[in-house]
Amino acid sequence: QVQLVESGGGLVQAGGSLRLSCAASGRSLSMYPMGWFRQAPGKEREFVAAINSNGAYTTYADSVKGRFSISRDNAKITVYVQMNSLKPEDTAVYYCARARFRSLSDTPSRSVDYDDWGQGTQVTVSS
């Protein structure tokens, strides 16, 4: 099992930026797709972005496309999401997750495709 720890959350004004990091320990991430999800109060967890094992392919939710950018550094066993032009509706707890399967090209967007999750980091965007 891999341990995932998110960091970088905080309070930011609308239009601002944050960079979230997800550091892993216990096992390598290099052969696994990785994803970011978020959950706002009273809402279900939703997909944000995913990246394939070598970082060549990415997928984004329509709500963040053009504003968020997911990346990974397999040498540092860390995954990032750069969030720009933040909106109040981006307020949520953000979670990173490791896919349950090894793959070279997949960028899964369903939460059921992930089986290792971090504890989450709060992002609050004020208007």
C-alpha atoms as a PDB file:
ATOM      1  CA  GLN A   1       0.000   0.000   0.000  1.00  0.00           C
ATOM      2  CA  VAL A   2       1.172   3.515  -0.746  1.00  0.00           C
ATOM      3  CA  GLN A   3       0.739   6.506   1.559  1.00  0.00           C
ATOM      4  CA  LEU A   4      -0.248   9.745  -0.126  1.00  0.00           C
ATOM      5  CA  VAL A   5       0.040  13.133   1.573  1.00  0.00           C
ATOM      6  CA  GLU A   6      -1.404  16.263   0.009  1.00  0.00           C
ATOM      7  CA  SER A   7      -0.183  19.771   0.781  1.00  0.00           C
ATOM      8  CA  GLY A   8      -0.454  23.292  -0.556  1.00  0.00           C
ATOM      9  CA  GLY A   9      -4.067  24.062   0.205  1.00  0.00           C
ATOM     10  CA  GLY A  10      -5.194  27.279   1.789  1.00  0.00           C
ATOM     11  CA  LEU A  11      -7.296  30.403   1.473  1.00  0.00           C
ATOM     12  CA  VAL A  12      -7.022  32.451  -1.708  1.00  0.00           C
ATOM     13  CA  GLN A  13      -9.018  35.195  -3.343  1.00  0.00           C
ATOM     14  CA  ALA A  14     -10.933  34.590  -6.537  1.00  0.00           C
ATOM     15  CA  GLY A  15      -8.606  34.875  -9.498  1.00  0.00           C
ATOM     16  CA  GLY A  16      -5.652  33.664  -7.484  1.00  0.00           C
ATOM     17  CA  SER A  17      -3.524  30.548  -7.792  1.00  0.00           C
ATOM     18  CA  LEU A  18      -2.467  27.600  -5.696  1.00  0.00           C
ATOM     19  CA  ARG A  19      -0.238  24.616  -6.338  1.00  0.00           C
ATOM     20  CA  LEU A  20      -1.148  21.379  -4.620  1.00  0.00           C
ATOM     21  CA  SER A  21       1.389  18.624  -4.110  1.00  0.00           C
ATOM     22  CA  CYS A  22       0.882  14.939  -3.407  1.00  0.00           C
ATOM     23  CA  ALA A  23       3.883  13.114  -2.010  1.00  0.00           C
ATOM     24  CA  ALA A  24       3.965   9.350  -1.888  1.00  0.00           C
ATOM     25  CA  SER A  25       5.794   6.928   0.328  1.00  0.00           C
ATOM     26  CA  GLY A  26       5.793   3.185   0.680  1.00  0.00           C
ATOM     27  CA  ARG A  27       5.689   2.270  -2.969  1.00  0.00           C
ATOM     28  CA  SER A  28       6.623   3.732  -6.313  1.00  0.00           C
ATOM     29  CA  LEU A  29       4.044   5.566  -8.366  1.00  0.00           C
ATOM     30  CA  SER A  30       5.930   5.432 -11.625  1.00  0.00           C
ATOM     31  CA  MET A  31       3.796   2.771 -13.332  1.00  0.00           C
ATOM     32  CA  TYR A  32       0.421   4.041 -12.124  1.00  0.00           C
ATOM     33  CA  PRO A  33      -1.914   6.744 -13.348  1.00  0.00           C
ATOM     34  CA  MET A  34      -2.603   9.378 -10.736  1.00  0.00           C
ATOM     35  CA  GLY A  35      -5.625  11.582 -10.200  1.00  0.00           C
ATOM     36  CA  TRP A  36      -6.942  14.555  -8.292  1.00  0.00           C
ATOM     37  CA  PHE A  37     -10.498  14.681  -6.994  1.00  0.00           C
ATOM     38  CA  ARG A  38     -12.364  17.168  -4.842  1.00  0.00           C
ATOM     39  CA  GLN A  39     -15.355  17.204  -2.552  1.00  0.00           C
ATOM     40  CA  ALA A  40     -17.284  20.291  -1.570  1.00  0.00           C
ATOM     41  CA  PRO A  41     -19.565  20.356   1.494  1.00  0.00           C
ATOM     42  CA  GLY A  42     -22.809  18.532   0.813  1.00  0.00           C
ATOM     43  CA  LYS A  43     -21.630  17.315  -2.572  1.00  0.00           C
ATOM     44  CA  GLU A  44     -20.249  14.086  -3.923  1.00  0.00           C
ATOM     45  CA  ARG A  45     -16.581  13.656  -4.666  1.00  0.00           C
ATOM     46  CA  GLU A  46     -15.833  14.708  -8.228  1.00  0.00           C
ATOM     47  CA  PHE A  47     -13.029  14.182 -10.682  1.00  0.00           C
ATOM     48  CA  VAL A  48     -10.633  17.060 -11.293  1.00  0.00           C
ATOM     49  CA  ALA A  49      -7.678  15.776 -13.324  1.00  0.00           C
ATOM     50  CA  ALA A  50      -5.660  12.685 -14.106  1.00  0.00           C
ATOM     51  CA  ILE A  51      -2.250  11.958 -15.559  1.00  0.00           C
ATOM     52  CA  ASN A  52      -0.814   8.796 -17.052  1.00  0.00           C
ATOM     53  CA  SER A  53       2.205   7.019 -15.651  1.00  0.00           C
ATOM     54  CA  ASN A  54       4.897   8.938 -17.562  1.00  0.00           C
ATOM     55  CA  GLY A  55       3.161  12.306 -17.633  1.00  0.00           C
ATOM     56  CA  ALA A  56       2.541  12.373 -21.372  1.00  0.00           C
ATOM     57  CA  TYR A  57      -1.252  12.306 -21.198  1.00  0.00           C
ATOM     58  CA  THR A  58      -3.681  14.270 -19.073  1.00  0.00           C
ATOM     59  CA  THR A  59      -7.436  14.514 -18.682  1.00  0.00           C
ATOM     60  CA  TYR A  60      -9.419  17.288 -17.023  1.00  0.00           C
ATOM     61  CA  ALA A  61     -12.930  17.897 -15.856  1.00  0.00           C
ATOM     62  CA  ASP A  62     -14.679  20.464 -18.021  1.00  0.00           C
ATOM     63  CA  SER A  63     -15.053  22.749 -15.015  1.00  0.00           C
ATOM     64  CA  VAL A  64     -11.270  23.142 -14.621  1.00  0.00           C
ATOM     65  CA  LYS A  65     -10.057  22.768 -18.188  1.00  0.00           C
ATOM     66  CA  GLY A  66      -7.799  25.641 -19.168  1.00  0.00           C
ATOM     67  CA  ARG A  67      -7.291  26.709 -15.552  1.00  0.00           C
ATOM     68  CA  PHE A  68      -5.746  23.657 -13.862  1.00  0.00           C
ATOM     69  CA  SER A  69      -2.653  21.719 -14.893  1.00  0.00           C
ATOM     70  CA  ILE A  70      -1.648  18.323 -13.529  1.00  0.00           C
ATOM     71  CA  SER A  71       1.950  17.136 -13.605  1.00  0.00           C
ATOM     72  CA  ARG A  72       4.165  14.557 -11.965  1.00  0.00           C
ATOM     73  CA  ASP A  73       7.788  14.010 -11.036  1.00  0.00           C
ATOM     74  CA  ASN A  74       8.360  10.268 -10.789  1.00  0.00           C
ATOM     75  CA  ALA A  75      11.873  10.763  -9.438  1.00  0.00           C
ATOM     76  CA  LYS A  76      10.414  12.702  -6.513  1.00  0.00           C
ATOM     77  CA  ILE A  77       7.342  10.426  -6.344  1.00  0.00           C
ATOM     78  CA  THR A  78       5.173  13.518  -6.338  1.00  0.00           C
ATOM     79  CA  VAL A  79       2.138  14.660  -8.284  1.00  0.00           C
ATOM     80  CA  TYR A  80       1.081  18.283  -8.614  1.00  0.00           C
ATOM     81  CA  VAL A  81      -1.888  20.293  -9.699  1.00  0.00           C
ATOM     82  CA  GLN A  82      -1.405  23.944 -10.554  1.00  0.00           C
ATOM     83  CA  MET A  83      -4.655  25.812 -10.096  1.00  0.00           C
ATOM     84  CA  ASN A  84      -5.019  29.226 -11.718  1.00  0.00           C
ATOM     85  CA  SER A  85      -7.913  31.660 -12.047  1.00  0.00           C
ATOM     86  CA  LEU A  86      -9.537  30.111  -9.024  1.00  0.00           C
ATOM     87  CA  LYS A  87     -13.257  30.598  -8.481  1.00  0.00           C
ATOM     88  CA  PRO A  88     -15.363  30.339  -5.317  1.00  0.00           C
ATOM     89  CA  GLU A  89     -16.906  27.171  -6.751  1.00  0.00           C
ATOM     90  CA  ASP A  90     -13.464  25.544  -6.634  1.00  0.00           C
ATOM     91  CA  THR A  91     -13.723  25.531  -2.842  1.00  0.00           C
ATOM     92  CA  ALA A  92     -13.432  21.929  -1.671  1.00  0.00           C
ATOM     93  CA  VAL A  93     -11.211  19.364  -0.049  1.00  0.00           C
ATOM     94  CA  TYR A  94      -8.803  18.130  -2.701  1.00  0.00           C
ATOM     95  CA  TYR A  95      -7.616  14.531  -2.732  1.00  0.00           C
ATOM     96  CA  CYS A  96      -4.939  12.785  -4.737  1.00  0.00           C
ATOM     97  CA  ALA A  97      -5.238   9.115  -5.564  1.00  0.00           C
ATOM     98  CA  ARG A  98      -3.322   6.306  -7.189  1.00  0.00           C
ATOM     99  CA  ALA A  99      -4.997   4.115  -9.774  1.00  0.00           C
ATOM    100  CA  ARG A 100      -5.650   0.499  -8.861  1.00  0.00           C
ATOM    101  CA  PHE A 101      -3.934  -0.732 -12.028  1.00  0.00           C
ATOM    102  CA  ARG A 102      -0.671  -0.197 -13.820  1.00  0.00           C
ATOM    103  CA  SER A 103      -0.962   1.446 -17.205  1.00  0.00           C
ATOM    104  CA  LEU A 104       1.209   3.313 -19.660  1.00  0.00           C
ATOM    105  CA  SER A 105      -1.463   5.514 -21.212  1.00  0.00           C
ATOM    106  CA  ASP A 106      -4.679   5.569 -19.170  1.00  0.00           C
ATOM    107  CA  THR A 107      -5.953   8.661 -17.387  1.00  0.00           C
ATOM    108  CA  PRO A 108      -8.965   7.324 -15.483  1.00  0.00           C
ATOM    109  CA  SER A 109     -11.643   9.729 -14.325  1.00  0.00           C
ATOM    110  CA  ARG A 110     -13.802   7.429 -12.193  1.00  0.00           C
ATOM    111  CA  SER A 111     -13.124   7.259  -8.474  1.00  0.00           C
ATOM    112  CA  VAL A 112     -13.679   3.487  -8.546  1.00  0.00           C
ATOM    113  CA  ASP A 113     -10.520   3.199 -10.639  1.00  0.00           C
ATOM    114  CA  TYR A 114      -8.440   4.435  -7.689  1.00  0.00           C
ATOM    115  CA  ASP A 115      -7.699   2.558  -4.494  1.00  0.00           C
ATOM    116  CA  ASP A 116      -5.121   4.607  -2.585  1.00  0.00           C
ATOM    117  CA  TRP A 117      -6.190   8.043  -1.385  1.00  0.00           C
ATOM    118  CA  GLY A 118      -4.604  10.846   0.567  1.00  0.00           C
ATOM    119  CA  GLN A 119      -6.225  12.551   3.518  1.00  0.00           C
ATOM    120  CA  GLY A 120      -7.057  15.685   1.547  1.00  0.00           C
ATOM    121  CA  THR A 121      -6.140  19.350   1.684  1.00  0.00           C
ATOM    122  CA  GLN A 122      -8.629  22.192   2.015  1.00  0.00           C
ATOM    123  CA  VAL A 123      -8.839  24.831  -0.691  1.00  0.00           C
ATOM    124  CA  THR A 124     -11.016  27.851   0.011  1.00  0.00           C
ATOM    125  CA  VAL A 125     -11.573  30.543  -2.591  1.00  0.00           C
ATOM    126  CA  SER A 126     -13.132  33.770  -1.372  1.00  0.00           C
ATOM    127  CA  SER A 127     -15.133  36.057  -3.627  1.00  0.00           C
END
